[in-house]
N, C-alpha and C. Protein backbone atom coordinates (compact mmCIF):
# COMPACT_ATOMS: atom_id res chain seq x y z
N UNK A 1 7.50 -41.91 3.82
CA UNK A 1 8.08 -40.84 4.61
C UNK A 1 7.21 -40.62 5.84
N UNK A 2 7.84 -40.57 6.97
CA UNK A 2 7.10 -40.33 8.22
C UNK A 2 6.62 -38.89 8.26
N UNK A 3 5.51 -38.67 8.92
CA UNK A 3 5.00 -37.31 9.02
C UNK A 3 5.76 -36.56 10.11
N UNK A 4 5.88 -35.26 9.92
CA UNK A 4 6.57 -34.40 10.88
C UNK A 4 5.57 -33.73 11.79
N UNK A 5 5.96 -33.49 13.03
CA UNK A 5 5.09 -32.68 13.89
C UNK A 5 4.96 -31.28 13.31
N UNK A 6 3.83 -30.67 13.50
CA UNK A 6 3.57 -29.35 12.92
C UNK A 6 4.61 -28.32 13.33
N UNK A 7 5.11 -28.41 14.57
CA UNK A 7 6.07 -27.41 15.03
C UNK A 7 7.47 -27.61 14.44
N UNK A 8 7.70 -28.70 13.71
CA UNK A 8 8.99 -28.96 13.07
C UNK A 8 8.98 -28.65 11.57
N UNK A 9 7.81 -28.40 11.03
CA UNK A 9 7.68 -28.23 9.59
C UNK A 9 8.46 -27.04 9.05
N UNK A 10 8.41 -25.90 9.73
CA UNK A 10 9.13 -24.72 9.22
C UNK A 10 10.64 -24.95 9.23
N UNK A 11 11.16 -25.62 10.26
CA UNK A 11 12.59 -25.93 10.31
C UNK A 11 12.98 -26.87 9.17
N UNK A 12 12.15 -27.87 8.93
CA UNK A 12 12.40 -28.83 7.86
C UNK A 12 12.42 -28.14 6.50
N UNK A 13 11.42 -27.31 6.24
CA UNK A 13 11.35 -26.61 4.96
C UNK A 13 12.51 -25.63 4.80
N UNK A 14 12.87 -24.93 5.87
CA UNK A 14 14.00 -24.00 5.81
C UNK A 14 15.29 -24.75 5.46
N UNK A 15 15.53 -25.87 6.12
CA UNK A 15 16.72 -26.66 5.85
C UNK A 15 16.74 -27.20 4.43
N UNK A 16 15.57 -27.62 3.95
CA UNK A 16 15.46 -28.13 2.58
C UNK A 16 15.79 -27.04 1.58
N UNK A 17 15.24 -25.85 1.78
CA UNK A 17 15.50 -24.74 0.86
C UNK A 17 16.96 -24.30 0.89
N UNK A 18 17.54 -24.25 2.07
CA UNK A 18 18.96 -23.88 2.18
C UNK A 18 19.82 -24.90 1.44
N UNK A 19 19.54 -26.18 1.65
CA UNK A 19 20.29 -27.23 0.96
C UNK A 19 20.15 -27.14 -0.55
N UNK A 20 18.93 -26.89 -1.04
CA UNK A 20 18.71 -26.74 -2.47
C UNK A 20 19.42 -25.51 -3.02
N UNK A 21 19.41 -24.42 -2.27
CA UNK A 21 20.08 -23.20 -2.70
C UNK A 21 21.59 -23.41 -2.82
N UNK A 22 22.19 -24.01 -1.81
CA UNK A 22 23.63 -24.26 -1.83
C UNK A 22 23.99 -25.26 -2.92
N UNK A 23 23.24 -26.35 -3.00
CA UNK A 23 23.50 -27.36 -4.03
C UNK A 23 23.32 -26.81 -5.44
N UNK A 24 22.29 -26.02 -5.64
CA UNK A 24 22.04 -25.41 -6.94
C UNK A 24 23.13 -24.41 -7.32
N UNK A 25 23.58 -23.64 -6.36
CA UNK A 25 24.66 -22.68 -6.61
C UNK A 25 25.95 -23.39 -6.98
N UNK A 26 26.24 -24.48 -6.28
CA UNK A 26 27.45 -25.25 -6.57
C UNK A 26 27.35 -25.89 -7.96
N UNK A 27 26.19 -26.38 -8.33
CA UNK A 27 26.01 -26.99 -9.65
C UNK A 27 26.12 -25.95 -10.75
N UNK A 28 25.56 -24.78 -10.51
CA UNK A 28 25.57 -23.72 -11.51
C UNK A 28 26.96 -23.12 -11.71
N UNK A 29 27.66 -22.89 -10.61
CA UNK A 29 28.97 -22.24 -10.66
C UNK A 29 30.13 -23.22 -10.72
N UNK A 30 29.88 -24.46 -10.38
CA UNK A 30 30.95 -25.45 -10.33
C UNK A 30 31.58 -25.53 -8.94
N UNK A 31 31.53 -24.45 -8.21
CA UNK A 31 32.05 -24.42 -6.84
C UNK A 31 31.57 -23.12 -6.19
N UNK A 32 31.84 -23.00 -4.93
CA UNK A 32 31.54 -21.77 -4.20
C UNK A 32 32.83 -21.27 -3.58
N UNK A 33 32.86 -19.99 -3.17
CA UNK A 33 34.05 -19.48 -2.51
C UNK A 33 34.36 -20.30 -1.26
N UNK A 34 35.61 -20.34 -0.85
CA UNK A 34 36.02 -21.09 0.33
C UNK A 34 35.59 -20.40 1.63
N UNK A 35 35.38 -19.08 1.56
CA UNK A 35 34.98 -18.30 2.74
C UNK A 35 33.80 -17.41 2.37
N UNK A 36 32.78 -17.43 3.21
CA UNK A 36 31.58 -16.61 2.98
C UNK A 36 31.24 -15.89 4.27
N UNK A 37 30.93 -14.60 4.16
CA UNK A 37 30.47 -13.81 5.30
C UNK A 37 28.97 -13.63 5.15
N UNK A 38 28.24 -13.91 6.21
CA UNK A 38 26.78 -13.83 6.20
C UNK A 38 26.30 -12.65 7.04
N UNK A 39 25.28 -11.98 6.54
CA UNK A 39 24.61 -10.96 7.35
C UNK A 39 23.12 -11.27 7.32
N UNK A 40 22.46 -10.95 8.39
CA UNK A 40 21.02 -11.18 8.45
C UNK A 40 20.59 -11.68 9.81
N UNK A 41 19.43 -12.26 9.82
CA UNK A 41 18.84 -12.81 11.03
C UNK A 41 19.75 -13.89 11.61
N UNK A 42 20.09 -13.78 12.90
CA UNK A 42 21.04 -14.70 13.52
C UNK A 42 20.63 -16.17 13.38
N UNK A 43 19.37 -16.48 13.62
CA UNK A 43 18.91 -17.87 13.56
C UNK A 43 19.06 -18.43 12.15
N UNK A 44 18.67 -17.65 11.15
CA UNK A 44 18.77 -18.11 9.77
C UNK A 44 20.24 -18.23 9.34
N UNK A 45 21.05 -17.26 9.73
CA UNK A 45 22.48 -17.32 9.39
C UNK A 45 23.14 -18.56 9.98
N UNK A 46 22.77 -18.94 11.20
CA UNK A 46 23.35 -20.13 11.80
C UNK A 46 22.99 -21.39 11.01
N UNK A 47 21.81 -21.42 10.42
CA UNK A 47 21.43 -22.55 9.58
C UNK A 47 22.33 -22.61 8.34
N UNK A 48 22.60 -21.44 7.76
CA UNK A 48 23.50 -21.39 6.61
C UNK A 48 24.92 -21.79 7.01
N UNK A 49 25.38 -21.34 8.17
CA UNK A 49 26.72 -21.70 8.63
C UNK A 49 26.85 -23.22 8.72
N UNK A 50 25.87 -23.88 9.34
CA UNK A 50 25.91 -25.33 9.48
C UNK A 50 25.88 -26.03 8.13
N UNK A 51 25.03 -25.56 7.22
CA UNK A 51 24.92 -26.18 5.90
C UNK A 51 26.19 -25.98 5.09
N UNK A 52 26.76 -24.79 5.14
CA UNK A 52 27.98 -24.51 4.38
C UNK A 52 29.17 -25.27 4.95
N UNK A 53 29.23 -25.41 6.26
CA UNK A 53 30.30 -26.21 6.86
C UNK A 53 30.22 -27.66 6.40
N UNK A 54 29.02 -28.16 6.14
CA UNK A 54 28.84 -29.54 5.69
C UNK A 54 29.47 -29.77 4.32
N UNK A 55 29.61 -28.71 3.53
CA UNK A 55 30.25 -28.83 2.20
C UNK A 55 31.62 -28.15 2.21
N UNK A 56 32.22 -28.08 3.38
CA UNK A 56 33.59 -27.60 3.58
C UNK A 56 33.77 -26.16 3.10
N UNK A 57 32.82 -25.31 3.42
CA UNK A 57 32.95 -23.89 3.15
C UNK A 57 32.92 -23.17 4.50
N UNK A 58 33.92 -22.35 4.74
CA UNK A 58 34.00 -21.59 5.98
C UNK A 58 33.04 -20.41 5.90
N UNK A 59 32.01 -20.44 6.69
CA UNK A 59 31.03 -19.36 6.72
C UNK A 59 31.01 -18.76 8.11
N UNK A 60 31.04 -17.45 8.17
CA UNK A 60 31.00 -16.76 9.45
C UNK A 60 29.94 -15.67 9.40
N UNK A 61 29.35 -15.44 10.54
CA UNK A 61 28.39 -14.36 10.65
C UNK A 61 29.16 -13.07 10.91
N UNK A 62 28.89 -12.08 10.09
CA UNK A 62 29.55 -10.79 10.26
C UNK A 62 28.68 -9.90 11.13
N UNK A 63 29.12 -9.67 12.33
CA UNK A 63 28.36 -8.85 13.28
C UNK A 63 29.10 -7.57 13.59
N UNK A 64 29.44 -6.84 12.55
CA UNK A 64 30.15 -5.57 12.73
C UNK A 64 29.17 -4.41 12.55
N UNK A 65 29.62 -3.24 12.86
CA UNK A 65 28.80 -2.05 12.67
C UNK A 65 28.44 -1.87 11.20
N UNK A 66 29.38 -2.13 10.32
CA UNK A 66 29.12 -1.98 8.88
C UNK A 66 28.04 -2.93 8.41
N UNK A 67 28.13 -4.20 8.81
CA UNK A 67 27.13 -5.16 8.36
C UNK A 67 25.77 -4.87 9.00
N UNK A 68 25.80 -4.40 10.23
CA UNK A 68 24.54 -4.02 10.89
C UNK A 68 23.88 -2.87 10.13
N UNK A 69 24.70 -1.93 9.69
CA UNK A 69 24.18 -0.80 8.92
C UNK A 69 23.62 -1.23 7.58
N UNK A 70 24.31 -2.15 6.90
CA UNK A 70 23.81 -2.66 5.63
C UNK A 70 22.50 -3.41 5.81
N UNK A 71 22.42 -4.19 6.89
CA UNK A 71 21.18 -4.92 7.19
C UNK A 71 20.03 -3.95 7.45
N UNK A 72 20.29 -2.91 8.23
CA UNK A 72 19.27 -1.91 8.54
C UNK A 72 18.82 -1.21 7.26
N UNK A 73 19.76 -0.86 6.41
CA UNK A 73 19.44 -0.21 5.14
C UNK A 73 18.57 -1.12 4.27
N UNK A 74 18.92 -2.39 4.17
CA UNK A 74 18.17 -3.32 3.35
C UNK A 74 16.75 -3.54 3.88
N UNK A 75 16.61 -3.64 5.20
CA UNK A 75 15.27 -3.85 5.77
C UNK A 75 14.43 -2.59 5.65
N UNK A 76 15.04 -1.44 5.86
CA UNK A 76 14.31 -0.18 5.75
C UNK A 76 13.84 0.06 4.32
N UNK A 77 14.68 -0.30 3.35
CA UNK A 77 14.34 -0.12 1.94
C UNK A 77 13.35 -1.17 1.45
N UNK A 78 13.08 -2.18 2.27
CA UNK A 78 12.14 -3.23 1.89
C UNK A 78 12.75 -4.29 0.98
N UNK A 79 14.08 -4.30 0.86
CA UNK A 79 14.75 -5.30 0.02
C UNK A 79 14.64 -6.68 0.67
N UNK A 80 14.74 -6.73 1.99
CA UNK A 80 14.60 -7.97 2.76
C UNK A 80 13.69 -7.70 3.94
N UNK A 81 13.13 -8.76 4.49
CA UNK A 81 12.31 -8.65 5.70
C UNK A 81 13.12 -9.11 6.89
N UNK A 82 13.03 -8.38 7.99
CA UNK A 82 13.78 -8.74 9.20
C UNK A 82 13.21 -9.96 9.86
């Protein structure tokens, strides 16, 4: 395996973890919903959108007031980090 430049390592690891998460979920459940709405950090959500599209799942980023409020609540409560 060729070595990666240091500035590419976090992207590589993020993509690997997303792929493992999606693959593991599909193996555990047998399938995933055909449509998924994502909330969270825009950059991370776009990675999920691309990965989910690769397995023919329609994923969209929900950028509504309600999802923004849920995200704010989750970050304020310390459930997730922004």
